[in-house]
Amino acid sequence: MTSFLFYILAAFAEIAGCFSFWAWTRLGKSMLWTIPGTISLVFFAWILTKVDIDIAGRAYAIYGGIYIVCSLLWLWVVEDTRPDKCDIVGAVICLFGASIILLAPRS
């Protein structure tokens, strides 16, 4: 359960960090937005190392599904754009795939 929290924290840290650069380059915000954005991206990288999985590639694959759902939440809450049916179906498919990777029996 702790790993799930780390994945969610990592996703929002990555999204916030990337969004700061988006705001600077695409929305005309001050370049100063990149300072907290860079800190957020460093926090993202560090927090993702805290998940309870021994293989980085597998941790990143599982993270991908959670990242997509968190991105759609960001879209809705921060950017005030409600996800459409295709967004939701795509996110469910990604979570299903991430669940297979997470829960598959391994030898």
Foldseek 3Di string as FASTA:
>chain_A
DVLVVLLLLLLVLQVQLVVLVCCVPPVVDDPVSNVSSVVSNVSSVVSLVVHPDDDSVLSVLLSVLVSLVSVQVCCCPVVVDHDDPVSVVVSVVSNVVSCCSVPPDDD
